[in-house]
Every structure is written in structure tokens, then in C-alpha cells.
């Protein structure tokens, strides 16, 4: 099995907006899993910036290789995150993130988006959903992931979507994907 990068993405449904509970939940996960990349993603909490700072400090303490903030470019730069994870409506922001020296990941859901990301020389992409995920449309499956990797060999593609067990990670490892990203996997395995 190749050495896949593992990418933790937070979600307020699995974490809390209570700073103490949030920090404890995050640290439990960081203690139990080898995590290479981590992204603070929260679209609902009113104390977003406070939680983002907690997230950044905990990830630094656990020596996470690359630490991202979801979508908020200015805050990622101001707080000192390594990079930003852009959503699929932010392709026009890629050049701007590069001027700020932020490592950039963008969410892709089809080959057209992968082509744009490739043309813009993005650092990484997530490609999703690979497996069934609530409210995320039809799963692409492993064969589609293999095709994407073959067609876009210069892209560092991180598989995302519905990854909740080790068997799925094994399947992804057989595709030459750069890594896997998940919200739920890291929670189910604690």
C-alpha cells in the first residue's frame, strides 16, 4: 500500500463550538491518528475565529505538516495558516492565494473542474464524493477516481467523500491518489 497523505477536515456536527470540547475532541483525534494535513471547516459557529485559532495551535503542537482554513483567504493569511482550502465556487481566487504565499487546495467534483485546477497549477485538489455521502450526490467510485488520476497526472488528487473505514482507504491506496480526506473517518475510529 502506497503512503497516502491523510487529511482531516473538521465539521461542527462532529466537533463542538464550545472551545474546551472542541480542543479535547481535536486532540483525541490527533493523538490517535497519523494526520498529515488538517483543515478547519465550520460554516455555522459564531465563534469561528476563536475556534480557528485553537485549531491552528493544536495542529502546530502535534506537528501537522500542512494546516488549512476553509474558504476564508484573508483570515487564513492573518492567523498564520499554511494555506486555504477553497470551495468549488472560488476558482477565480487561486491566483490571489498564490500572491499571499498560501498553499492552496480546491474542491473539485468533475473533470471540468479538475482541468481548470490543473491549468491554474493548484497545489492540491480534493475530488469528491468517491463513496456515498449524505447530501453530496451520486458517488463517483474507485474507477472514476482512477480515471481522474490517469487523465490529470500532474494534479495531487486527494480522494474525499464517504470515507469511513480502512477498507475504503485501502481501495484508494490502489489508485495512485495523493491522499484521502475525511470528516467522519477520524471520528469513527476513536
N, C-alpha and C. Protein backbone atom coordinates (compact mmCIF):
# COMPACT_ATOMS: atom_id res chain seq x y z
N UNK A 1 0.85 -1.18 0.00
CA UNK A 1 0.00 0.00 0.00
C UNK A 1 0.89 1.24 0.00
N UNK A 2 0.63 2.14 -0.96
CA UNK A 2 1.45 3.36 -1.05
C UNK A 2 1.19 4.25 0.16
N UNK A 3 2.07 5.19 0.37
CA UNK A 3 1.96 6.09 1.52
C UNK A 3 1.02 7.25 1.20
N UNK A 4 -0.25 7.06 1.52
CA UNK A 4 -1.25 8.10 1.29
C UNK A 4 -1.13 9.19 2.34
N UNK A 5 -1.28 10.42 1.92
CA UNK A 5 -1.40 11.52 2.88
C UNK A 5 -2.80 11.45 3.48
N UNK A 6 -2.89 11.69 4.77
CA UNK A 6 -4.21 11.71 5.41
C UNK A 6 -4.56 13.15 5.75
N UNK A 7 -5.82 13.50 5.48
CA UNK A 7 -6.27 14.88 5.56
C UNK A 7 -7.55 14.93 6.39
N UNK A 8 -7.42 15.48 7.59
CA UNK A 8 -8.55 15.66 8.50
C UNK A 8 -9.26 16.97 8.16
N UNK A 9 -10.58 16.90 8.02
CA UNK A 9 -11.40 18.10 7.83
C UNK A 9 -12.41 18.14 8.98
N UNK A 10 -12.50 19.27 9.64
CA UNK A 10 -13.44 19.37 10.76
C UNK A 10 -14.84 19.72 10.27
N UNK A 11 -15.80 19.45 11.11
CA UNK A 11 -17.20 19.78 10.84
C UNK A 11 -17.86 19.98 12.20
N UNK A 12 -18.62 21.06 12.36
CA UNK A 12 -19.24 21.32 13.67
C UNK A 12 -20.19 20.22 14.14
N UNK A 13 -20.67 19.36 13.23
CA UNK A 13 -21.51 18.24 13.66
C UNK A 13 -20.74 17.19 14.45
N UNK A 14 -19.44 17.16 14.27
CA UNK A 14 -18.61 16.17 14.97
C UNK A 14 -17.72 16.81 16.02
N UNK A 15 -17.52 18.10 15.91
CA UNK A 15 -16.79 18.87 16.91
C UNK A 15 -17.84 19.68 17.65
N UNK A 16 -17.45 20.65 18.37
CA UNK A 16 -18.39 21.48 19.11
C UNK A 16 -17.98 22.93 18.91
N UNK A 17 -18.89 23.87 19.16
CA UNK A 17 -18.46 25.27 19.14
C UNK A 17 -18.02 25.71 20.54
N UNK A 18 -18.11 24.79 21.50
CA UNK A 18 -17.57 25.05 22.84
C UNK A 18 -16.06 24.85 22.76
N UNK A 19 -15.27 25.90 23.00
CA UNK A 19 -13.81 25.80 22.81
C UNK A 19 -13.16 24.63 23.56
N UNK A 20 -13.58 24.39 24.79
CA UNK A 20 -12.97 23.31 25.58
C UNK A 20 -13.27 21.94 24.96
N UNK A 21 -14.53 21.71 24.58
CA UNK A 21 -14.90 20.43 23.97
C UNK A 21 -14.25 20.29 22.59
N UNK A 22 -14.23 21.38 21.83
CA UNK A 22 -13.60 21.38 20.51
C UNK A 22 -12.14 20.95 20.62
N UNK A 23 -11.41 21.59 21.52
CA UNK A 23 -9.97 21.30 21.70
C UNK A 23 -9.75 19.85 22.12
N UNK A 24 -10.57 19.35 23.05
CA UNK A 24 -10.43 17.97 23.53
C UNK A 24 -10.72 16.98 22.41
N UNK A 25 -11.78 17.23 21.65
CA UNK A 25 -12.13 16.35 20.53
C UNK A 25 -11.00 16.31 19.52
N UNK A 26 -10.49 17.48 19.15
CA UNK A 26 -9.40 17.56 18.18
C UNK A 26 -8.16 16.83 18.69
N UNK A 27 -7.80 17.07 19.94
CA UNK A 27 -6.59 16.44 20.47
C UNK A 27 -6.73 14.93 20.58
N UNK A 28 -7.93 14.44 20.89
CA UNK A 28 -8.15 12.98 20.91
C UNK A 28 -7.87 12.39 19.54
N UNK A 29 -8.32 13.07 18.50
CA UNK A 29 -8.11 12.60 17.13
C UNK A 29 -6.62 12.68 16.76
N UNK A 30 -5.98 13.79 17.09
CA UNK A 30 -4.57 13.98 16.73
C UNK A 30 -3.67 12.98 17.46
N UNK A 31 -4.06 12.56 18.65
CA UNK A 31 -3.28 11.56 19.39
C UNK A 31 -3.39 10.17 18.77
N UNK A 32 -4.55 9.85 18.22
CA UNK A 32 -4.83 8.50 17.74
C UNK A 32 -4.49 8.25 16.28
N UNK A 33 -4.39 9.29 15.49
CA UNK A 33 -4.21 9.13 14.05
C UNK A 33 -2.96 9.85 13.56
N UNK A 34 -2.35 9.29 12.54
CA UNK A 34 -1.27 9.99 11.84
C UNK A 34 -1.96 10.88 10.81
N UNK A 35 -1.91 12.18 11.04
CA UNK A 35 -2.57 13.13 10.15
C UNK A 35 -1.51 14.04 9.55
N UNK A 36 -1.52 14.12 8.22
CA UNK A 36 -0.54 14.94 7.51
C UNK A 36 -1.06 16.36 7.28
N UNK A 37 -2.30 16.46 6.82
CA UNK A 37 -2.93 17.75 6.56
C UNK A 37 -4.17 17.86 7.44
N UNK A 38 -4.52 19.08 7.82
CA UNK A 38 -5.74 19.29 8.60
C UNK A 38 -6.36 20.61 8.17
N UNK A 39 -7.70 20.62 8.11
CA UNK A 39 -8.43 21.81 7.68
C UNK A 39 -9.53 22.14 8.68
N UNK A 40 -9.54 23.40 9.12
CA UNK A 40 -10.64 23.86 9.96
C UNK A 40 -11.76 24.33 9.04
N UNK A 41 -12.89 23.62 9.11
CA UNK A 41 -14.05 23.92 8.28
C UNK A 41 -15.27 24.02 9.18
N UNK A 42 -15.88 25.18 9.22
CA UNK A 42 -17.04 25.41 10.08
C UNK A 42 -17.83 26.56 9.47
N UNK A 43 -19.04 26.25 9.04
CA UNK A 43 -19.86 27.27 8.37
C UNK A 43 -20.97 27.79 9.27
N UNK A 44 -20.99 27.36 10.54
CA UNK A 44 -22.13 27.73 11.39
C UNK A 44 -21.77 28.39 12.72
N UNK A 45 -20.62 28.11 13.28
CA UNK A 45 -20.31 28.62 14.63
C UNK A 45 -20.09 30.13 14.62
N UNK A 46 -20.60 30.80 15.64
CA UNK A 46 -20.45 32.25 15.75
C UNK A 46 -19.06 32.64 16.25
N UNK A 47 -18.38 31.71 16.91
CA UNK A 47 -17.02 31.97 17.42
C UNK A 47 -15.97 31.33 16.51
N UNK A 48 -16.19 31.45 15.21
CA UNK A 48 -15.35 30.84 14.19
C UNK A 48 -13.87 31.17 14.38
N UNK A 49 -13.56 32.45 14.55
CA UNK A 49 -12.16 32.86 14.64
C UNK A 49 -11.48 32.27 15.88
N UNK A 50 -12.18 32.25 17.00
CA UNK A 50 -11.63 31.67 18.23
C UNK A 50 -11.34 30.18 18.02
N UNK A 51 -12.26 29.47 17.40
CA UNK A 51 -12.06 28.04 17.15
C UNK A 51 -10.94 27.82 16.14
N UNK A 52 -10.84 28.68 15.14
CA UNK A 52 -9.77 28.57 14.14
C UNK A 52 -8.40 28.71 14.80
N UNK A 53 -8.28 29.65 15.73
CA UNK A 53 -7.00 29.83 16.45
C UNK A 53 -6.67 28.60 17.29
N UNK A 54 -7.66 28.07 17.99
CA UNK A 54 -7.47 26.85 18.79
C UNK A 54 -7.01 25.71 17.89
N UNK A 55 -7.68 25.56 16.75
CA UNK A 55 -7.36 24.51 15.79
C UNK A 55 -5.91 24.64 15.32
N UNK A 56 -5.54 25.85 14.91
CA UNK A 56 -4.19 26.11 14.41
C UNK A 56 -3.14 25.77 15.48
N UNK A 57 -3.35 26.23 16.70
CA UNK A 57 -2.38 25.98 17.77
C UNK A 57 -2.26 24.50 18.11
N UNK A 58 -3.38 23.80 18.17
CA UNK A 58 -3.33 22.35 18.46
C UNK A 58 -2.62 21.59 17.35
N UNK A 59 -2.93 21.94 16.10
CA UNK A 59 -2.27 21.27 14.97
C UNK A 59 -0.77 21.52 14.95
N UNK A 60 -0.37 22.74 15.29
CA UNK A 60 1.07 23.04 15.37
C UNK A 60 1.72 22.22 16.48
N UNK A 61 1.04 22.13 17.61
CA UNK A 61 1.56 21.36 18.74
C UNK A 61 1.78 19.90 18.35
N UNK A 62 0.89 19.35 17.52
CA UNK A 62 1.00 17.96 17.08
C UNK A 62 1.79 17.82 15.78
N UNK A 63 2.43 18.90 15.37
CA UNK A 63 3.32 18.92 14.21
C UNK A 63 2.66 18.43 12.92
N UNK A 64 1.43 18.89 12.67
CA UNK A 64 0.74 18.59 11.42
C UNK A 64 1.49 19.29 10.29
N UNK A 65 1.74 18.55 9.22
CA UNK A 65 2.57 19.03 8.11
C UNK A 65 2.01 20.30 7.45
N UNK A 66 0.71 20.30 7.12
CA UNK A 66 0.10 21.47 6.47
C UNK A 66 -1.26 21.72 7.11
N UNK A 67 -1.49 22.97 7.52
CA UNK A 67 -2.71 23.34 8.24
C UNK A 67 -3.47 24.37 7.40
N UNK A 68 -4.74 24.04 7.11
CA UNK A 68 -5.56 24.85 6.21
C UNK A 68 -6.79 25.42 6.93
N UNK A 69 -7.24 26.54 6.39
CA UNK A 69 -8.52 27.12 6.80
C UNK A 69 -9.43 27.04 5.58
N UNK A 70 -10.67 26.68 5.80
CA UNK A 70 -11.61 26.52 4.70
C UNK A 70 -12.16 27.88 4.22
N UNK A 71 -11.98 28.16 2.95
CA UNK A 71 -12.61 29.26 2.21
C UNK A 71 -12.20 30.69 2.56
N UNK A 72 -11.86 30.97 3.80
CA UNK A 72 -11.60 32.35 4.23
C UNK A 72 -10.12 32.71 4.04
N UNK A 73 -9.82 33.26 2.88
CA UNK A 73 -8.44 33.54 2.48
C UNK A 73 -7.78 34.56 3.40
N UNK A 74 -8.47 35.67 3.66
CA UNK A 74 -7.88 36.73 4.48
C UNK A 74 -7.58 36.25 5.89
N UNK A 75 -8.52 35.52 6.48
CA UNK A 75 -8.31 35.02 7.84
C UNK A 75 -7.19 33.97 7.88
N UNK A 76 -7.11 33.13 6.85
CA UNK A 76 -6.03 32.14 6.78
C UNK A 76 -4.68 32.85 6.81
N UNK A 77 -4.55 33.92 6.04
CA UNK A 77 -3.29 34.68 5.99
C UNK A 77 -3.04 35.39 7.32
N UNK A 78 -4.07 36.05 7.85
CA UNK A 78 -3.92 36.84 9.08
C UNK A 78 -3.59 36.00 10.30
N UNK A 79 -4.14 34.79 10.37
CA UNK A 79 -3.89 33.93 11.54
C UNK A 79 -2.62 33.09 11.40
N UNK A 80 -2.07 33.01 10.20
CA UNK A 80 -0.84 32.26 10.00
C UNK A 80 -1.03 30.81 9.62
N UNK A 81 -2.16 30.48 9.00
CA UNK A 81 -2.36 29.12 8.47
C UNK A 81 -1.39 28.91 7.32
N UNK A 82 -1.05 27.64 7.04
CA UNK A 82 -0.17 27.33 5.91
C UNK A 82 -0.88 27.59 4.59
N UNK A 83 -2.19 27.39 4.61
CA UNK A 83 -2.91 27.54 3.36
C UNK A 83 -4.40 27.63 3.55
N UNK A 84 -5.09 27.58 2.40
CA UNK A 84 -6.54 27.70 2.38
C UNK A 84 -7.11 26.59 1.49
N UNK A 85 -8.26 26.07 1.92
CA UNK A 85 -8.99 25.08 1.12
C UNK A 85 -10.18 25.81 0.52
N UNK A 86 -10.10 26.07 -0.78
CA UNK A 86 -11.14 26.80 -1.48
C UNK A 86 -12.29 25.88 -1.87
N UNK A 87 -13.50 26.43 -1.89
CA UNK A 87 -14.63 25.64 -2.37
C UNK A 87 -14.72 25.77 -3.89
N UNK A 88 -15.60 25.00 -4.50
CA UNK A 88 -15.64 24.93 -5.97
C UNK A 88 -16.22 26.19 -6.62
N UNK A 89 -16.61 27.16 -5.82
CA UNK A 89 -17.05 28.45 -6.38
C UNK A 89 -15.92 29.50 -6.30
N UNK A 90 -14.73 29.09 -5.88
CA UNK A 90 -13.63 30.03 -5.67
C UNK A 90 -12.46 29.84 -6.64
N UNK A 91 -12.70 29.25 -7.79
CA UNK A 91 -11.61 29.07 -8.76
C UNK A 91 -10.94 30.39 -9.12
N UNK A 92 -11.72 31.47 -9.15
CA UNK A 92 -11.18 32.78 -9.51
C UNK A 92 -10.29 33.37 -8.41
N UNK A 93 -10.19 32.71 -7.28
CA UNK A 93 -9.35 33.19 -6.17
C UNK A 93 -7.97 32.52 -6.12
N UNK A 94 -7.75 31.52 -6.95
CA UNK A 94 -6.49 30.76 -6.89
C UNK A 94 -5.27 31.66 -7.06
N UNK A 95 -5.29 32.52 -8.07
CA UNK A 95 -4.14 33.40 -8.31
C UNK A 95 -3.88 34.30 -7.11
N UNK A 96 -4.97 34.80 -6.50
CA UNK A 96 -4.84 35.67 -5.32
C UNK A 96 -4.17 34.94 -4.16
N UNK A 97 -4.57 33.69 -3.92
CA UNK A 97 -3.96 32.94 -2.80
C UNK A 97 -2.46 32.75 -3.03
N UNK A 98 -2.09 32.58 -4.29
CA UNK A 98 -0.66 32.42 -4.60
C UNK A 98 0.13 33.69 -4.30
N UNK A 99 -0.49 34.87 -4.53
CA UNK A 99 0.21 36.13 -4.23
C UNK A 99 0.43 36.28 -2.72
N UNK A 100 -0.39 35.59 -1.93
CA UNK A 100 -0.25 35.64 -0.47
C UNK A 100 0.64 34.51 0.07
N UNK A 101 1.20 33.73 -0.84
CA UNK A 101 2.04 32.57 -0.46
C UNK A 101 1.29 31.56 0.40
N UNK A 102 0.01 31.38 0.10
CA UNK A 102 -0.78 30.36 0.79
C UNK A 102 -0.80 29.10 -0.07
N UNK A 103 -0.53 27.94 0.56
CA UNK A 103 -0.71 26.67 -0.12
C UNK A 103 -2.21 26.54 -0.38
N UNK A 104 -2.57 26.08 -1.57
CA UNK A 104 -3.98 26.10 -1.93
C UNK A 104 -4.48 24.73 -2.39
N UNK A 105 -5.61 24.35 -1.78
CA UNK A 105 -6.37 23.16 -2.17
C UNK A 105 -7.71 23.69 -2.69
N UNK A 106 -8.26 23.04 -3.70
CA UNK A 106 -9.62 23.40 -4.12
C UNK A 106 -10.46 22.14 -4.28
N UNK A 107 -11.72 22.25 -3.94
CA UNK A 107 -12.66 21.13 -4.06
C UNK A 107 -13.12 21.00 -5.51
N UNK A 108 -12.97 19.80 -6.06
CA UNK A 108 -13.41 19.51 -7.43
C UNK A 108 -14.40 18.35 -7.40
N UNK A 109 -15.38 18.42 -8.32
CA UNK A 109 -16.43 17.41 -8.35
C UNK A 109 -16.63 16.81 -9.74
N UNK A 110 -15.84 17.26 -10.72
CA UNK A 110 -15.95 16.69 -12.07
C UNK A 110 -14.65 16.98 -12.83
N UNK A 111 -14.54 16.39 -14.01
CA UNK A 111 -13.31 16.52 -14.79
C UNK A 111 -13.10 17.95 -15.28
N UNK A 112 -14.19 18.70 -15.53
CA UNK A 112 -14.04 20.09 -15.97
C UNK A 112 -13.35 20.92 -14.88
N UNK A 113 -13.77 20.71 -13.63
CA UNK A 113 -13.13 21.44 -12.52
C UNK A 113 -11.68 20.99 -12.33
N UNK A 114 -11.42 19.70 -12.50
CA UNK A 114 -10.04 19.21 -12.40
C UNK A 114 -9.16 19.86 -13.46
N UNK A 115 -9.70 20.03 -14.67
CA UNK A 115 -8.93 20.66 -15.75
C UNK A 115 -8.60 22.12 -15.40
N UNK A 116 -9.58 22.85 -14.89
CA UNK A 116 -9.33 24.25 -14.51
C UNK A 116 -8.26 24.31 -13.42
N UNK A 117 -8.40 23.46 -12.41
CA UNK A 117 -7.42 23.43 -11.31
C UNK A 117 -6.03 23.11 -11.84
N UNK A 118 -5.95 22.16 -12.75
CA UNK A 118 -4.68 21.78 -13.35
C UNK A 118 -4.08 22.95 -14.14
N UNK A 119 -4.92 23.61 -14.93
CA UNK A 119 -4.45 24.75 -15.74
C UNK A 119 -3.95 25.89 -14.85
N UNK A 120 -4.56 26.05 -13.69
CA UNK A 120 -4.17 27.13 -12.78
C UNK A 120 -3.02 26.72 -11.85
N UNK A 121 -2.52 25.51 -12.05
CA UNK A 121 -1.37 25.00 -11.28
C UNK A 121 -1.62 25.04 -9.77
N UNK A 122 -2.78 24.56 -9.38
CA UNK A 122 -3.15 24.47 -7.97
C UNK A 122 -2.20 23.53 -7.25
N UNK A 123 -2.02 23.70 -5.95
CA UNK A 123 -1.13 22.82 -5.19
C UNK A 123 -1.74 21.43 -5.00
N UNK A 124 -3.02 21.38 -4.62
CA UNK A 124 -3.72 20.12 -4.36
C UNK A 124 -5.19 20.29 -4.73
N UNK A 125 -5.87 19.16 -5.01
CA UNK A 125 -7.33 19.18 -5.15
C UNK A 125 -7.90 18.06 -4.30
N UNK A 126 -9.12 18.29 -3.81
CA UNK A 126 -9.90 17.16 -3.31
C UNK A 126 -10.88 16.84 -4.43
N UNK A 127 -11.15 15.55 -4.61
CA UNK A 127 -12.06 15.09 -5.64
C UNK A 127 -13.12 14.25 -4.96
N UNK A 128 -14.39 14.65 -5.14
CA UNK A 128 -15.45 14.01 -4.36
C UNK A 128 -16.81 14.07 -5.06
N UNK A 129 -17.77 13.26 -4.52
CA UNK A 129 -17.61 12.22 -3.50
C UNK A 129 -17.20 10.89 -4.13
N UNK A 130 -16.22 10.24 -3.53
CA UNK A 130 -15.77 8.94 -4.03
C UNK A 130 -16.75 7.84 -3.60
N UNK A 131 -17.15 7.87 -2.35
CA UNK A 131 -18.12 6.90 -1.82
C UNK A 131 -19.39 7.66 -1.44
N UNK A 132 -20.46 6.90 -1.17
CA UNK A 132 -21.73 7.52 -0.79
C UNK A 132 -21.56 8.41 0.43
N UNK A 133 -22.08 9.62 0.31
CA UNK A 133 -22.01 10.63 1.37
C UNK A 133 -23.37 11.32 1.44
N UNK A 134 -23.89 11.51 2.65
CA UNK A 134 -25.20 12.16 2.76
C UNK A 134 -25.22 13.53 2.07
N UNK A 135 -26.20 13.76 1.24
CA UNK A 135 -26.47 15.05 0.59
C UNK A 135 -25.37 15.53 -0.36
N UNK A 136 -24.57 14.61 -0.90
CA UNK A 136 -23.47 15.04 -1.79
C UNK A 136 -23.60 14.47 -3.20
N UNK A 137 -24.75 13.95 -3.56
CA UNK A 137 -24.92 13.43 -4.91
C UNK A 137 -24.38 12.02 -5.06
N UNK A 138 -24.42 11.54 -6.30
CA UNK A 138 -24.01 10.17 -6.60
C UNK A 138 -22.50 10.00 -6.41
N UNK A 139 -22.15 8.89 -5.76
CA UNK A 139 -20.73 8.58 -5.55
C UNK A 139 -20.04 8.32 -6.88
N UNK A 140 -18.81 8.78 -7.02
CA UNK A 140 -18.05 8.60 -8.25
C UNK A 140 -17.47 7.19 -8.35
N UNK A 141 -17.04 6.65 -7.22
CA UNK A 141 -16.47 5.30 -7.22
C UNK A 141 -14.98 5.30 -7.53
N UNK A 142 -14.38 4.17 -7.27
CA UNK A 142 -12.93 3.99 -7.43
C UNK A 142 -12.50 4.07 -8.89
N UNK A 143 -13.27 3.49 -9.81
CA UNK A 143 -12.86 3.52 -11.22
C UNK A 143 -12.81 4.95 -11.76
N UNK A 144 -13.77 5.77 -11.37
CA UNK A 144 -13.77 7.17 -11.79
C UNK A 144 -12.56 7.90 -11.21
N UNK A 145 -12.24 7.60 -9.95
CA UNK A 145 -11.05 8.19 -9.32
C UNK A 145 -9.79 7.80 -10.08
N UNK A 146 -9.69 6.52 -10.46
CA UNK A 146 -8.53 6.06 -11.24
C UNK A 146 -8.43 6.81 -12.56
N UNK A 147 -9.56 7.02 -13.22
CA UNK A 147 -9.58 7.75 -14.50
C UNK A 147 -9.12 9.19 -14.31
N UNK A 148 -9.58 9.83 -13.24
CA UNK A 148 -9.18 11.21 -12.96
C UNK A 148 -7.68 11.30 -12.74
N UNK A 149 -7.15 10.37 -11.98
CA UNK A 149 -5.70 10.37 -11.69
C UNK A 149 -4.90 10.14 -12.96
N UNK A 150 -5.38 9.24 -13.81
CA UNK A 150 -4.69 8.94 -15.07
C UNK A 150 -4.73 10.15 -16.01
N UNK A 151 -5.89 10.81 -16.10
CA UNK A 151 -6.04 11.94 -17.01
C UNK A 151 -5.30 13.19 -16.52
N UNK A 152 -5.23 13.37 -15.21
CA UNK A 152 -4.60 14.58 -14.65
C UNK A 152 -3.40 14.19 -13.79
N UNK A 153 -2.38 13.68 -14.46
CA UNK A 153 -1.22 13.13 -13.75
C UNK A 153 -0.41 14.17 -13.00
N UNK A 154 -0.53 15.44 -13.39
CA UNK A 154 0.21 16.49 -12.68
C UNK A 154 -0.49 16.99 -11.43
N UNK A 155 -1.76 16.61 -11.24
CA UNK A 155 -2.51 17.05 -10.07
C UNK A 155 -2.26 16.12 -8.89
N UNK A 156 -2.14 16.72 -7.72
CA UNK A 156 -2.09 15.92 -6.49
C UNK A 156 -3.54 15.80 -6.01
N UNK A 157 -4.15 14.65 -6.34
CA UNK A 157 -5.57 14.43 -6.08
C UNK A 157 -5.76 13.71 -4.75
N UNK A 158 -6.55 14.33 -3.90
CA UNK A 158 -6.88 13.77 -2.59
C UNK A 158 -8.35 13.31 -2.66
N UNK A 159 -8.57 12.02 -2.48
CA UNK A 159 -9.92 11.45 -2.54
C UNK A 159 -10.71 11.89 -1.30
N UNK A 160 -11.95 12.27 -1.52
CA UNK A 160 -12.82 12.75 -0.44
C UNK A 160 -14.22 12.22 -0.65
N UNK A 161 -14.93 12.03 0.43
CA UNK A 161 -16.35 11.72 0.33
C UNK A 161 -16.69 10.30 0.73
N UNK A 162 -17.36 10.17 1.86
CA UNK A 162 -17.85 8.87 2.30
C UNK A 162 -16.80 7.92 2.82
N UNK A 163 -15.62 8.41 3.12
CA UNK A 163 -14.53 7.54 3.59
C UNK A 163 -14.69 7.37 5.10
N UNK A 164 -15.11 6.15 5.49
CA UNK A 164 -15.38 5.91 6.91
C UNK A 164 -14.70 4.66 7.45
N UNK A 165 -13.95 3.92 6.61
CA UNK A 165 -13.30 2.71 7.13
C UNK A 165 -11.98 2.42 6.42
N UNK A 166 -11.21 1.51 7.00
CA UNK A 166 -9.88 1.18 6.49
C UNK A 166 -9.93 0.50 5.12
N UNK A 167 -10.99 -0.26 4.85
CA UNK A 167 -11.09 -0.92 3.54
C UNK A 167 -11.17 0.13 2.42
N UNK A 168 -11.94 1.18 2.63
CA UNK A 168 -12.04 2.25 1.63
C UNK A 168 -10.68 2.93 1.43
N UNK A 169 -9.97 3.13 2.51
CA UNK A 169 -8.64 3.74 2.40
C UNK A 169 -7.71 2.82 1.61
N UNK A 170 -7.81 1.52 1.86
CA UNK A 170 -7.02 0.56 1.09
C UNK A 170 -7.36 0.68 -0.40
N UNK A 171 -8.66 0.73 -0.72
CA UNK A 171 -9.07 0.86 -2.13
C UNK A 171 -8.47 2.12 -2.76
N UNK A 172 -8.52 3.21 -2.04
CA UNK A 172 -7.95 4.48 -2.54
C UNK A 172 -6.44 4.33 -2.74
N UNK A 173 -5.79 3.61 -1.84
CA UNK A 173 -4.33 3.45 -1.93
C UNK A 173 -3.91 2.71 -3.20
N UNK A 174 -4.83 1.97 -3.79
CA UNK A 174 -4.52 1.22 -5.01
C UNK A 174 -4.71 2.04 -6.28
N UNK A 175 -5.02 3.32 -6.14
CA UNK A 175 -5.33 4.16 -7.30
C UNK A 175 -4.23 5.15 -7.66
N UNK A 176 -3.22 5.28 -6.87
CA UNK A 176 -2.19 6.32 -7.01
C UNK A 176 -2.69 7.70 -6.63
N UNK A 177 -3.77 7.77 -5.85
CA UNK A 177 -4.21 9.06 -5.31
C UNK A 177 -3.11 9.60 -4.40
N UNK A 178 -3.03 10.91 -4.28
CA UNK A 178 -2.04 11.52 -3.40
C UNK A 178 -2.39 11.28 -1.93
N UNK A 179 -3.70 11.25 -1.64
CA UNK A 179 -4.12 11.05 -0.26
C UNK A 179 -5.62 10.84 -0.17
N UNK A 180 -6.09 10.79 1.07
CA UNK A 180 -7.52 10.72 1.32
C UNK A 180 -7.87 11.77 2.36
N UNK A 181 -9.06 12.31 2.25
CA UNK A 181 -9.55 13.30 3.21
C UNK A 181 -10.88 12.82 3.75
N UNK A 182 -11.12 13.12 5.01
CA UNK A 182 -12.38 12.70 5.60
C UNK A 182 -12.74 13.57 6.79
N UNK A 183 -14.02 13.67 7.01
CA UNK A 183 -14.55 14.26 8.23
C UNK A 183 -14.85 13.12 9.20
N UNK A 184 -15.65 12.16 8.74
CA UNK A 184 -16.19 11.12 9.64
C UNK A 184 -15.20 10.03 10.01
N UNK A 185 -14.30 9.63 9.11
CA UNK A 185 -13.39 8.51 9.39
C UNK A 185 -12.65 8.70 10.71
N UNK A 186 -12.12 9.87 10.93
CA UNK A 186 -11.29 10.11 12.11
C UNK A 186 -12.12 10.05 13.40
N UNK A 187 -13.42 10.33 13.30
CA UNK A 187 -14.30 10.25 14.48
C UNK A 187 -14.74 8.82 14.74
N UNK A 188 -15.03 8.09 13.67
CA UNK A 188 -15.48 6.71 13.84
C UNK A 188 -14.38 5.83 14.40
N UNK A 189 -13.14 6.23 14.18
CA UNK A 189 -12.01 5.41 14.59
C UNK A 189 -11.42 5.84 15.93
N UNK A 190 -12.16 6.65 16.73
CA UNK A 190 -11.63 6.99 18.07
C UNK A 190 -12.41 6.25 19.13
